[in-house]
Amino acid sequence: MHSRRTSYFVDEATAARIERAEAELMAACSSAVGSRFGVEHFQVAVRGGFATFAGADSPYNKVSGVGFAGIPDDHELSEMEARFAEHDAPVSFEVAALADPALVERLSSRGYRLVSFEDVLVRDLVDPPEVKADGVVVRREPADVDDSWIRAWLDTVVEASLQPDTQGLAQHEEFSREVLEQAELAGFDAGVRTYLALVDGVPAGGAGVRLVNGIAQMAGAGTVPAYRRRGVQTALVAARLEDAAAAGCDLAVVTTQPGSPSHANTQRMGFDLGYTRAVLVKEVR
């Protein structure tokens, strides 16, 4: 499938670069939800990251990218928490393990509690793997995207998300079909390129990638249950890595649940665990 090189080492500067790109994506997506669906939303800059909100129960309701450009003081945190409280929403802080440790200490002192972890896996794009999965055909987003493409891709990734693989650490959040559709369409509006994997001509999996500042942010991948364990996700990863390398990116990043099939699949494709994010939540309603 591919030759394995030395492990990719993520230092603080690289983590800061990744976290900044993630925060900017959350800001772009939350803004896109508001623009497309007319829901209340906000994007507030917080010490190099963003606090974002995109309607009730949105996956874009979070604080990300903080901890590499100073720590917010209590006044800043109080103001930010008040913005979420206006919408009866909890504050969900994603904190990278390479961020300033003082951030977790401050959040803990304010009543935030640890609810989950997620892993950030990385690999360089010097030699992207070539993969041929028997019976799996990957189609890239066409230049003239029409409603039929968007509908097929959206139905596939949402259906996969609604029936998550139960192997590994369970996700700490669940979302409705409506919220997932809004989130995926917002990603498309924010520049995520879409992919469909077909088995016997039937959509079996979907994925996306956003290319920004040399980083390929792997997004929205999922396989519908009937086609799992058949190489669908592997084929989708390979196609996106190939395109990212051709576009001049030097780094690919994917976020997974620890111990999940997605984690295993991406690791087999040459990704290394760069660092873990802790998810800390505070109820401010």
C-alpha atoms as a PDB file:
ATOM      1  CA  MET A   1       0.000   0.000   0.000  1.00  0.00           C
ATOM      2  CA  HIS A   2       2.736   2.432   0.949  1.00  0.00           C
ATOM      3  CA  SER A   3       6.208   2.498   2.459  1.00  0.00           C
ATOM      4  CA  ARG A   4       6.315   3.831   6.004  1.00  0.00           C
ATOM      5  CA  ARG A   5       8.790   6.561   6.793  1.00  0.00           C
ATOM      6  CA  THR A   6       9.916   7.914  10.113  1.00  0.00           C
ATOM      7  CA  SER A   7       7.198   9.233  12.399  1.00  0.00           C
ATOM      8  CA  TYR A   8       6.082  12.831  11.971  1.00  0.00           C
ATOM      9  CA  PHE A   9       7.019  14.941  14.964  1.00  0.00           C
ATOM     10  CA  VAL A  10       4.676  17.795  15.899  1.00  0.00           C
ATOM     11  CA  ASP A  11       6.290  20.620  17.835  1.00  0.00           C
ATOM     12  CA  GLU A  12       4.546  23.574  19.458  1.00  0.00           C
ATOM     13  CA  ALA A  13       4.875  25.765  16.356  1.00  0.00           C
ATOM     14  CA  THR A  14       3.296  23.122  14.135  1.00  0.00           C
ATOM     15  CA  ALA A  15       0.484  22.548  16.613  1.00  0.00           C
ATOM     16  CA  ALA A  16      -0.165  26.293  16.709  1.00  0.00           C
ATOM     17  CA  ARG A  17      -0.373  26.332  12.906  1.00  0.00           C
ATOM     18  CA  ILE A  18      -2.842  23.430  12.894  1.00  0.00           C
ATOM     19  CA  GLU A  19      -4.959  24.859  15.700  1.00  0.00           C
ATOM     20  CA  ARG A  20      -5.137  28.269  14.015  1.00  0.00           C
ATOM     21  CA  ALA A  21      -6.368  26.645  10.793  1.00  0.00           C
ATOM     22  CA  GLU A  22      -8.950  24.659  12.769  1.00  0.00           C
ATOM     23  CA  ALA A  23     -10.223  27.773  14.550  1.00  0.00           C
ATOM     24  CA  GLU A  24     -10.483  29.677  11.277  1.00  0.00           C
ATOM     25  CA  LEU A  25     -12.452  26.790   9.758  1.00  0.00           C
ATOM     26  CA  MET A  26     -14.870  26.831  12.706  1.00  0.00           C
ATOM     27  CA  ALA A  27     -15.318  30.580  12.250  1.00  0.00           C
ATOM     28  CA  ALA A  28     -15.937  30.207   8.515  1.00  0.00           C
ATOM     29  CA  CYS A  29     -18.385  27.336   8.989  1.00  0.00           C
ATOM     30  CA  SER A  30     -20.367  29.000  11.773  1.00  0.00           C
ATOM     31  CA  SER A  31     -20.645  32.140   9.650  1.00  0.00           C
ATOM     32  CA  ALA A  32     -21.789  30.054   6.687  1.00  0.00           C
ATOM     33  CA  VAL A  33     -24.546  28.409   8.760  1.00  0.00           C
ATOM     34  CA  GLY A  34     -25.832  31.849   9.662  1.00  0.00           C
ATOM     35  CA  SER A  35     -25.698  33.095   6.079  1.00  0.00           C
ATOM     36  CA  ARG A  36     -27.295  30.031   4.475  1.00  0.00           C
ATOM     37  CA  PHE A  37     -29.951  29.239   7.079  1.00  0.00           C
ATOM     38  CA  GLY A  38     -30.544  32.595   8.733  1.00  0.00           C
ATOM     39  CA  VAL A  39     -29.797  31.382  12.257  1.00  0.00           C
ATOM     40  CA  GLU A  40     -28.195  33.483  14.967  1.00  0.00           C
ATOM     41  CA  HIS A  41     -24.436  33.065  15.034  1.00  0.00           C
ATOM     42  CA  PHE A  42     -21.233  34.696  16.218  1.00  0.00           C
ATOM     43  CA  GLN A  43     -17.480  34.485  15.768  1.00  0.00           C
ATOM     44  CA  VAL A  44     -15.420  36.102  18.519  1.00  0.00           C
ATOM     45  CA  ALA A  45     -11.614  36.271  18.343  1.00  0.00           C
ATOM     46  CA  VAL A  46     -10.030  34.894  21.524  1.00  0.00           C
ATOM     47  CA  ARG A  47      -6.252  35.070  21.927  1.00  0.00           C
ATOM     48  CA  GLY A  48      -5.360  33.600  18.529  1.00  0.00           C
ATOM     49  CA  GLY A  49      -8.422  31.364  18.337  1.00  0.00           C
ATOM     50  CA  PHE A  50     -12.169  31.791  18.018  1.00  0.00           C
ATOM     51  CA  ALA A  51     -15.322  31.302  20.042  1.00  0.00           C
ATOM     52  CA  THR A  52     -18.051  30.329  17.572  1.00  0.00           C
ATOM     53  CA  PHE A  53     -21.792  29.718  17.678  1.00  0.00           C
ATOM     54  CA  ALA A  54     -24.118  28.582  14.876  1.00  0.00           C
ATOM     55  CA  GLY A  55     -27.517  27.880  16.381  1.00  0.00           C
ATOM     56  CA  ALA A  56     -28.847  25.393  18.907  1.00  0.00           C
ATOM     57  CA  ASP A  57     -26.826  22.165  19.227  1.00  0.00           C
ATOM     58  CA  SER A  58     -24.480  22.939  16.315  1.00  0.00           C
ATOM     59  CA  PRO A  59     -21.110  21.144  16.180  1.00  0.00           C
ATOM     60  CA  TYR A  60     -19.631  24.584  15.526  1.00  0.00           C
ATOM     61  CA  ASN A  61     -20.515  25.808  19.025  1.00  0.00           C
ATOM     62  CA  LYS A  62     -17.078  25.785  20.626  1.00  0.00           C
ATOM     63  CA  VAL A  63     -13.880  27.606  21.470  1.00  0.00           C
ATOM     64  CA  SER A  64     -10.865  26.462  19.466  1.00  0.00           C
ATOM     65  CA  GLY A  65      -7.288  27.470  18.727  1.00  0.00           C
ATOM     66  CA  VAL A  66      -6.624  29.103  22.111  1.00  0.00           C
ATOM     67  CA  GLY A  67      -3.483  28.522  24.165  1.00  0.00           C
ATOM     68  CA  PHE A  68      -0.677  29.506  21.769  1.00  0.00           C
ATOM     69  CA  ALA A  69      -0.941  33.308  21.833  1.00  0.00           C
ATOM     70  CA  GLY A  70      -1.548  34.066  25.481  1.00  0.00           C
ATOM     71  CA  ILE A  71      -4.213  32.979  27.954  1.00  0.00           C
ATOM     72  CA  PRO A  72      -7.555  34.802  28.205  1.00  0.00           C
ATOM     73  CA  ASP A  73      -8.023  36.474  31.576  1.00  0.00           C
ATOM     74  CA  ASP A  74     -11.125  36.104  33.726  1.00  0.00           C
ATOM     75  CA  HIS A  75     -12.728  39.211  32.248  1.00  0.00           C
ATOM     76  CA  GLU A  76     -12.291  37.916  28.692  1.00  0.00           C
ATOM     77  CA  LEU A  77     -13.652  34.524  29.674  1.00  0.00           C
ATOM     78  CA  SER A  78     -16.640  36.066  31.441  1.00  0.00           C
ATOM     79  CA  GLU A  79     -17.514  38.112  28.359  1.00  0.00           C
ATOM     80  CA  MET A  80     -17.166  35.086  26.105  1.00  0.00           C
ATOM     81  CA  GLU A  81     -19.248  32.895  28.414  1.00  0.00           C
ATOM     82  CA  ALA A  82     -21.948  35.565  28.441  1.00  0.00           C
ATOM     83  CA  ARG A  83     -22.227  35.315  24.655  1.00  0.00           C
ATOM     84  CA  PHE A  84     -22.993  31.597  24.897  1.00  0.00           C
ATOM     85  CA  ALA A  85     -25.326  32.156  27.850  1.00  0.00           C
ATOM     86  CA  GLU A  86     -27.390  34.547  25.709  1.00  0.00           C
ATOM     87  CA  HIS A  87     -28.228  31.518  23.568  1.00  0.00           C
ATOM     88  CA  ASP A  88     -28.660  29.042  26.449  1.00  0.00           C
ATOM     89  CA  ALA A  89     -25.637  27.131  25.171  1.00  0.00           C
ATOM     90  CA  PRO A  90     -22.792  25.569  27.168  1.00  0.00           C
ATOM     91  CA  VAL A  91     -19.200  26.579  26.472  1.00  0.00           C
ATOM     92  CA  SER A  92     -17.123  23.783  24.932  1.00  0.00           C
ATOM     93  CA  PHE A  93     -13.372  24.464  25.001  1.00  0.00           C
ATOM     94  CA  GLU A  94     -11.070  22.340  22.835  1.00  0.00           C
ATOM     95  CA  VAL A  95      -7.538  22.524  24.230  1.00  0.00           C
ATOM     96  CA  ALA A  96      -4.537  21.015  22.475  1.00  0.00           C
ATOM     97  CA  ALA A  97      -2.068  19.100  24.613  1.00  0.00           C
ATOM     98  CA  LEU A  98       0.718  21.374  23.312  1.00  0.00           C
ATOM     99  CA  ALA A  99      -1.105  24.558  24.346  1.00  0.00           C
ATOM    100  CA  ASP A 100      -0.038  26.532  27.412  1.00  0.00           C
ATOM    101  CA  PRO A 101      -0.873  24.305  30.436  1.00  0.00           C
ATOM    102  CA  ALA A 102      -2.048  27.398  32.297  1.00  0.00           C
ATOM    103  CA  LEU A 103      -5.160  27.433  30.069  1.00  0.00           C
ATOM    104  CA  VAL A 104      -6.485  24.180  31.526  1.00  0.00           C
ATOM    105  CA  GLU A 105      -5.657  25.377  35.039  1.00  0.00           C
ATOM    106  CA  ARG A 106      -7.633  28.579  34.490  1.00  0.00           C
ATOM    107  CA  LEU A 107     -10.601  26.794  32.941  1.00  0.00           C
ATOM    108  CA  SER A 108     -10.684  24.270  35.772  1.00  0.00           C
ATOM    109  CA  SER A 109     -10.726  27.071  38.324  1.00  0.00           C
ATOM    110  CA  ARG A 110     -13.813  28.467  36.560  1.00  0.00           C
ATOM    111  CA  GLY A 111     -15.773  25.232  36.758  1.00  0.00           C
ATOM    112  CA  TYR A 112     -15.038  23.640  33.401  1.00  0.00           C
ATOM    113  CA  ARG A 113     -15.066  19.833  33.459  1.00  0.00           C
ATOM    114  CA  LEU A 114     -13.312  17.371  31.212  1.00  0.00           C
ATOM    115  CA  VAL A 115     -15.818  15.452  29.061  1.00  0.00           C
ATOM    116  CA  SER A 116     -13.832  13.915  26.218  1.00  0.00           C
ATOM    117  CA  PHE A 117     -10.660  13.681  24.150  1.00  0.00           C
ATOM    118  CA  GLU A 118      -9.982  13.707  20.423  1.00  0.00           C
ATOM    119  CA  ASP A 119      -6.811  12.840  18.553  1.00  0.00           C
ATOM    120  CA  VAL A 120      -5.148  14.983  15.894  1.00  0.00           C
ATOM    121  CA  LEU A 121      -3.229  12.842  13.406  1.00  0.00           C
ATOM    122  CA  VAL A 122      -0.766  14.286  10.893  1.00  0.00           C
ATOM    123  CA  ARG A 123       1.447  13.238   8.005  1.00  0.00           C
ATOM    124  CA  ASP A 124       3.600  14.981   5.437  1.00  0.00           C
ATOM    125  CA  LEU A 125       2.779  14.856   1.742  1.00  0.00           C
ATOM    126  CA  VAL A 126       6.212  14.077   0.343  1.00  0.00           C
ATOM    127  CA  ASP A 127       5.109  10.651  -0.842  1.00  0.00           C
ATOM    128  CA  PRO A 128       1.325  10.219  -0.630  1.00  0.00           C
ATOM    129  CA  PRO A 129       0.210   6.575  -0.750  1.00  0.00           C
ATOM    130  CA  GLU A 130      -1.265   4.988  -3.839  1.00  0.00           C
ATOM    131  CA  VAL A 131      -4.249   2.820  -2.997  1.00  0.00           C
ATOM    132  CA  LYS A 132      -6.503   0.663  -5.118  1.00  0.00           C
ATOM    133  CA  ALA A 133      -9.471  -0.641  -3.169  1.00  0.00           C
ATOM    134  CA  ASP A 134     -11.216  -3.404  -5.078  1.00  0.00           C
ATOM    135  CA  GLY A 135     -14.645  -2.337  -6.229  1.00  0.00           C
ATOM    136  CA  VAL A 136     -14.369   1.210  -4.810  1.00  0.00           C
ATOM    137  CA  VAL A 137     -14.454   4.171  -7.201  1.00  0.00           C
ATOM    138  CA  VAL A 138     -13.757   7.661  -5.829  1.00  0.00           C
ATOM    139  CA  ARG A 139     -15.282  10.642  -7.599  1.00  0.00           C
ATOM    140  CA  ARG A 140     -14.043  14.162  -7.023  1.00  0.00           C
ATOM    141  CA  GLU A 141     -16.287  17.194  -6.816  1.00  0.00           C
ATOM    142  CA  PRO A 142     -17.020  18.275 -10.404  1.00  0.00           C
ATOM    143  CA  ALA A 143     -16.121  21.749 -11.624  1.00  0.00           C
ATOM    144  CA  ASP A 144     -19.784  22.439 -12.332  1.00  0.00           C
ATOM    145  CA  VAL A 145     -21.309  21.313  -9.039  1.00  0.00           C
ATOM    146  CA  ASP A 146     -25.056  20.791  -9.315  1.00  0.00           C
ATOM    147  CA  ASP A 147     -27.827  19.905  -6.887  1.00  0.00           C
ATOM    148  CA  SER A 148     -27.668  16.189  -7.704  1.00  0.00           C
ATOM    149  CA  TRP A 149     -23.996  15.983  -6.666  1.00  0.00           C
ATOM    150  CA  ILE A 150     -24.568  17.941  -3.462  1.00  0.00           C
ATOM    151  CA  ARG A 151     -27.614  15.828  -2.582  1.00  0.00           C
ATOM    152  CA  ALA A 152     -25.808  12.515  -3.148  1.00  0.00           C
ATOM    153  CA  TRP A 153     -22.765  13.615  -1.150  1.00  0.00           C
ATOM    154  CA  LEU A 154     -24.846  15.158   1.641  1.00  0.00           C
ATOM    155  CA  ASP A 155     -27.153  12.149   2.035  1.00  0.00           C
ATOM    156  CA  THR A 156     -24.160   9.808   2.196  1.00  0.00           C
ATOM    157  CA  VAL A 157     -22.075  11.643   4.790  1.00  0.00           C
ATOM    158  CA  VAL A 158     -25.081  12.468   6.958  1.00  0.00           C
ATOM    159  CA  GLU A 159     -26.376   8.898   6.896  1.00  0.00           C
ATOM    160  CA  ALA A 160     -22.917   7.668   7.913  1.00  0.00           C
ATOM    161  CA  SER A 161     -22.763  10.200  10.760  1.00  0.00           C
ATOM    162  CA  LEU A 162     -26.193   9.221  12.060  1.00  0.00           C
ATOM    163  CA  GLN A 163     -25.017   5.611  12.369  1.00  0.00           C
ATOM    164  CA  PRO A 164     -21.512   5.940  13.830  1.00  0.00           C
ATOM    165  CA  ASP A 165     -19.192   2.988  14.177  1.00  0.00           C
ATOM    166  CA  THR A 166     -19.335   1.948  17.831  1.00  0.00           C
ATOM    167  CA  GLN A 167     -15.745   0.715  18.031  1.00  0.00           C
ATOM    168  CA  GLY A 168     -13.438   2.874  20.159  1.00  0.00           C
ATOM    169  CA  LEU A 169     -14.199   5.756  22.492  1.00  0.00           C
ATOM    170  CA  ALA A 170     -17.774   6.968  22.046  1.00  0.00           C
ATOM    171  CA  GLN A 171     -18.362  10.517  20.837  1.00  0.00           C
ATOM    172  CA  HIS A 172     -19.478  12.889  23.573  1.00  0.00           C
ATOM    173  CA  GLU A 173     -22.016  14.620  21.297  1.00  0.00           C
ATOM    174  CA  GLU A 174     -24.910  13.518  19.096  1.00  0.00           C
ATOM    175  CA  PHE A 175     -26.564  15.624  16.420  1.00  0.00           C
ATOM    176  CA  SER A 176     -29.874  15.493  14.558  1.00  0.00           C
ATOM    177  CA  ARG A 177     -30.124  15.017  10.794  1.00  0.00           C
ATOM    178  CA  GLU A 178     -31.097  18.669  10.345  1.00  0.00           C
ATOM    179  CA  VAL A 179     -28.110  19.944  12.317  1.00  0.00           C
ATOM    180  CA  LEU A 180     -25.711  17.600  10.499  1.00  0.00           C
ATOM    181  CA  GLU A 181     -27.019  18.701   7.106  1.00  0.00           C
ATOM    182  CA  GLN A 182     -26.571  22.335   8.063  1.00  0.00           C
ATOM    183  CA  ALA A 183     -23.044  21.661   9.291  1.00  0.00           C
ATOM    184  CA  GLU A 184     -21.969  19.765   6.157  1.00  0.00           C
ATOM    185  CA  LEU A 185     -23.419  22.389   3.805  1.00  0.00           C
ATOM    186  CA  ALA A 186     -21.701  25.112   5.794  1.00  0.00           C
ATOM    187  CA  GLY A 187     -18.401  23.269   5.334  1.00  0.00           C
ATOM    188  CA  PHE A 188     -19.031  23.204   1.593  1.00  0.00           C
ATOM    189  CA  ASP A 189     -19.733  26.955   1.645  1.00  0.00           C
ATOM    190  CA  ALA A 190     -16.508  27.479   3.628  1.00  0.00           C
ATOM    191  CA  GLY A 191     -14.368  25.850   0.943  1.00  0.00           C
ATOM    192  CA  VAL A 192     -14.427  22.132   1.730  1.00  0.00           C
ATOM    193  CA  ARG A 193     -13.985  20.083  -1.466  1.00  0.00           C
ATOM    194  CA  THR A 194     -16.303  17.080  -1.599  1.00  0.00           C
ATOM    195  CA  TYR A 195     -15.729  13.454  -2.589  1.00  0.00           C
ATOM    196  CA  LEU A 196     -17.969  10.432  -3.123  1.00  0.00           C
ATOM    197  CA  ALA A 197     -16.949   6.770  -3.021  1.00  0.00           C
ATOM    198  CA  LEU A 198     -19.078   4.366  -5.043  1.00  0.00           C
ATOM    199  CA  VAL A 199     -19.400   0.593  -4.749  1.00  0.00           C
ATOM    200  CA  ASP A 200     -21.212  -1.031  -7.680  1.00  0.00           C
ATOM    201  CA  GLY A 201     -22.330   2.437  -8.690  1.00  0.00           C
ATOM    202  CA  VAL A 202     -23.967   3.113  -5.315  1.00  0.00           C
ATOM    203  CA  PRO A 203     -22.757   5.926  -3.008  1.00  0.00           C
ATOM    204  CA  ALA A 204     -21.021   4.120  -0.139  1.00  0.00           C
ATOM    205  CA  GLY A 205     -19.021   6.878   1.518  1.00  0.00           C
ATOM    206  CA  GLY A 206     -18.258  10.556   1.353  1.00  0.00           C
ATOM    207  CA  ALA A 207     -15.593  12.953   2.529  1.00  0.00           C
ATOM    208  CA  GLY A 208     -14.184  16.438   2.209  1.00  0.00           C
ATOM    209  CA  VAL A 209     -10.923  18.332   2.389  1.00  0.00           C
ATOM    210  CA  ARG A 210     -10.105  22.001   2.861  1.00  0.00           C
ATOM    211  CA  LEU A 211      -6.757  23.237   1.595  1.00  0.00           C
ATOM    212  CA  VAL A 212      -5.480  26.306   3.432  1.00  0.00           C
ATOM    213  CA  ASN A 213      -1.981  27.691   4.081  1.00  0.00           C
ATOM    214  CA  GLY A 214      -0.331  24.434   3.061  1.00  0.00           C
ATOM    215  CA  ILE A 215      -2.534  22.298   5.314  1.00  0.00           C
ATOM    216  CA  ALA A 216      -4.997  19.711   4.030  1.00  0.00           C
ATOM    217  CA  GLN A 217      -7.783  19.571   6.607  1.00  0.00           C
ATOM    218  CA  MET A 218      -9.475  16.200   6.171  1.00  0.00           C
ATOM    219  CA  ALA A 219     -13.166  16.690   6.932  1.00  0.00           C
ATOM    220  CA  GLY A 220     -16.530  15.005   6.951  1.00  0.00           C
ATOM    221  CA  ALA A 221     -15.517  11.428   6.135  1.00  0.00           C
ATOM    222  CA  GLY A 222     -17.998   8.630   6.658  1.00  0.00           C
ATOM    223  CA  THR A 223     -19.053   5.250   5.285  1.00  0.00           C
ATOM    224  CA  VAL A 224     -22.622   4.008   5.369  1.00  0.00           C
ATOM    225  CA  PRO A 225     -22.918   0.857   7.517  1.00  0.00           C
ATOM    226  CA  ALA A 226     -23.579  -1.608   4.673  1.00  0.00           C
ATOM    227  CA  TYR A 227     -20.194  -0.817   3.091  1.00  0.00           C
ATOM    228  CA  ARG A 228     -17.913  -0.628   6.111  1.00  0.00           C
ATOM    229  CA  ARG A 229     -14.714  -2.731   6.297  1.00  0.00           C
ATOM    230  CA  ARG A 230     -14.415  -2.713   2.484  1.00  0.00           C
ATOM    231  CA  GLY A 231     -11.734  -0.072   2.000  1.00  0.00           C
ATOM    232  CA  VAL A 232     -14.054   2.856   1.309  1.00  0.00           C
ATOM    233  CA  GLN A 233     -12.483   5.236   3.813  1.00  0.00           C
ATOM    234  CA  THR A 234      -8.976   4.205   2.791  1.00  0.00           C
ATOM    235  CA  ALA A 235      -9.755   5.067  -0.824  1.00  0.00           C
ATOM    236  CA  LEU A 236     -11.195   8.438   0.212  1.00  0.00           C
ATOM    237  CA  VAL A 237      -8.101   9.263   2.283  1.00  0.00           C
ATOM    238  CA  ALA A 238      -5.771   8.364  -0.599  1.00  0.00           C
ATOM    239  CA  ALA A 239      -7.673  10.519  -3.102  1.00  0.00           C
ATOM    240  CA  ARG A 240      -7.588  13.546  -0.832  1.00  0.00           C
ATOM    241  CA  LEU A 241      -3.889  13.134  -0.050  1.00  0.00           C
ATOM    242  CA  GLU A 242      -3.103  12.904  -3.755  1.00  0.00           C
ATOM    243  CA  ASP A 243      -5.013  16.101  -4.489  1.00  0.00           C
ATOM    244  CA  ALA A 244      -3.500  17.942  -1.512  1.00  0.00           C
ATOM    245  CA  ALA A 245       0.035  17.050  -2.621  1.00  0.00           C
ATOM    246  CA  ALA A 246      -0.744  18.176  -6.171  1.00  0.00           C
ATOM    247  CA  ALA A 247      -2.013  21.494  -4.775  1.00  0.00           C
ATOM    248  CA  GLY A 248       1.283  22.087  -2.969  1.00  0.00           C
ATOM    249  CA  CYS A 249       0.252  21.301   0.620  1.00  0.00           C
ATOM    250  CA  ASP A 250       2.989  20.024   2.901  1.00  0.00           C
ATOM    251  CA  LEU A 251       0.856  18.683   5.747  1.00  0.00           C
ATOM    252  CA  ALA A 252      -2.379  16.694   6.092  1.00  0.00           C
ATOM    253  CA  VAL A 253      -4.395  16.689   9.310  1.00  0.00           C
ATOM    254  CA  VAL A 254      -7.338  14.595  10.476  1.00  0.00           C
ATOM    255  CA  THR A 255      -9.188  14.564  13.801  1.00  0.00           C
ATOM    256  CA  THR A 256     -10.569  11.254  15.077  1.00  0.00           C
ATOM    257  CA  GLN A 257     -12.014   9.654  18.181  1.00  0.00           C
ATOM    258  CA  PRO A 258      -9.309   7.751  20.096  1.00  0.00           C
ATOM    259  CA  GLY A 259      -9.289   4.052  19.289  1.00  0.00           C
ATOM    260  CA  SER A 260     -11.833   4.396  16.487  1.00  0.00           C
ATOM    261  CA  PRO A 261     -11.773   2.673  13.074  1.00  0.00           C
ATOM    262  CA  SER A 262     -11.064   6.083  11.543  1.00  0.00           C
ATOM    263  CA  HIS A 263      -7.998   6.406  13.758  1.00  0.00           C
ATOM    264  CA  ALA A 264      -6.795   2.949  12.690  1.00  0.00           C
ATOM    265  CA  ASN A 265      -7.451   3.592   8.990  1.00  0.00           C
ATOM    266  CA  THR A 266      -5.616   6.913   8.897  1.00  0.00           C
ATOM    267  CA  GLN A 267      -2.693   5.484  10.850  1.00  0.00           C
ATOM    268  CA  ARG A 268      -2.395   2.730   8.267  1.00  0.00           C
ATOM    269  CA  MET A 269      -2.253   5.468   5.636  1.00  0.00           C
ATOM    270  CA  GLY A 270       0.885   6.944   7.135  1.00  0.00           C
ATOM    271  CA  PHE A 271      -0.558   9.359   9.686  1.00  0.00           C
ATOM    272  CA  ASP A 272       1.005   9.715  13.116  1.00  0.00           C
ATOM    273  CA  LEU A 273      -0.598  10.877  16.329  1.00  0.00           C
ATOM    274  CA  GLY A 274       0.476  14.501  16.577  1.00  0.00           C
ATOM    275  CA  TYR A 275      -1.286  15.382  19.814  1.00  0.00           C
ATOM    276  CA  THR A 276      -4.543  15.050  21.699  1.00  0.00           C
ATOM    277  CA  ARG A 277      -7.175  17.689  22.386  1.00  0.00           C
ATOM    278  CA  ALA A 278      -9.053  17.783  25.664  1.00  0.00           C
ATOM    279  CA  VAL A 279     -12.690  18.898  25.516  1.00  0.00           C
ATOM    280  CA  LEU A 280     -13.752  20.876  28.593  1.00  0.00           C
ATOM    281  CA  VAL A 281     -17.327  22.067  29.059  1.00  0.00           C
ATOM    282  CA  LYS A 282     -19.043  24.573  31.324  1.00  0.00           C
ATOM    283  CA  GLU A 283     -22.792  25.075  31.620  1.00  0.00           C
ATOM    284  CA  VAL A 284     -23.524  28.806  31.590  1.00  0.00           C
ATOM    285  CA  ARG A 285     -27.307  28.777  31.019  1.00  0.00           C
END
